[in-house]
Amino acid sequence: MRVQVRQLQATLAERDRSRSNTPLSDREADLHARQQHALLRLHLPWARLLRAVEHTSNLSIRLASIRPDTAEGTVELSGHAATLQEAAGYLEQLQRTEMTNVRMVSTEVDQSQAQMPVAFVIKAHWNRPLSGS
């Protein structure tokens, strides 16, 4: 994948050099901006984020979603736990990873969910924000 990214970067750079004196149409400028943003996203430390989440895997926690926000450099983790104490323990585990500013955003107890009644959302910083997003 890194080879493909480098090839795409080289292609875009060559196109930029060949068009340096030719103004881009609005459509071309928009396409170019989206291509540059896609390249930035490919270079994000996704493995570091996944390692941090995997490192904190816990049988008493069921993650429902992992939503990274590349523009802000944050991630939102939502899931379920059997108790508030287990959700808080998971938060503490995440605070010991490379993530920063790890905080519980919300908790909700739903007694109709017998095994995992505590729903939670945790937000953390995992990367620098992308510029130009």
Foldseek 3Di string as FASTA:
>chain_A
DVVVLVVLVVVLVVVCVVCVVPDDDPVRVVVSLVSVVVSVVVPDPVVLVVCLVVVLDDPQKAWPDWAADQQAQKIKIKTFGQDPVVVVVSQVSSCPGQWPPKDWPDWDADVVPPSTRIITMIMTHHDHHDPPD
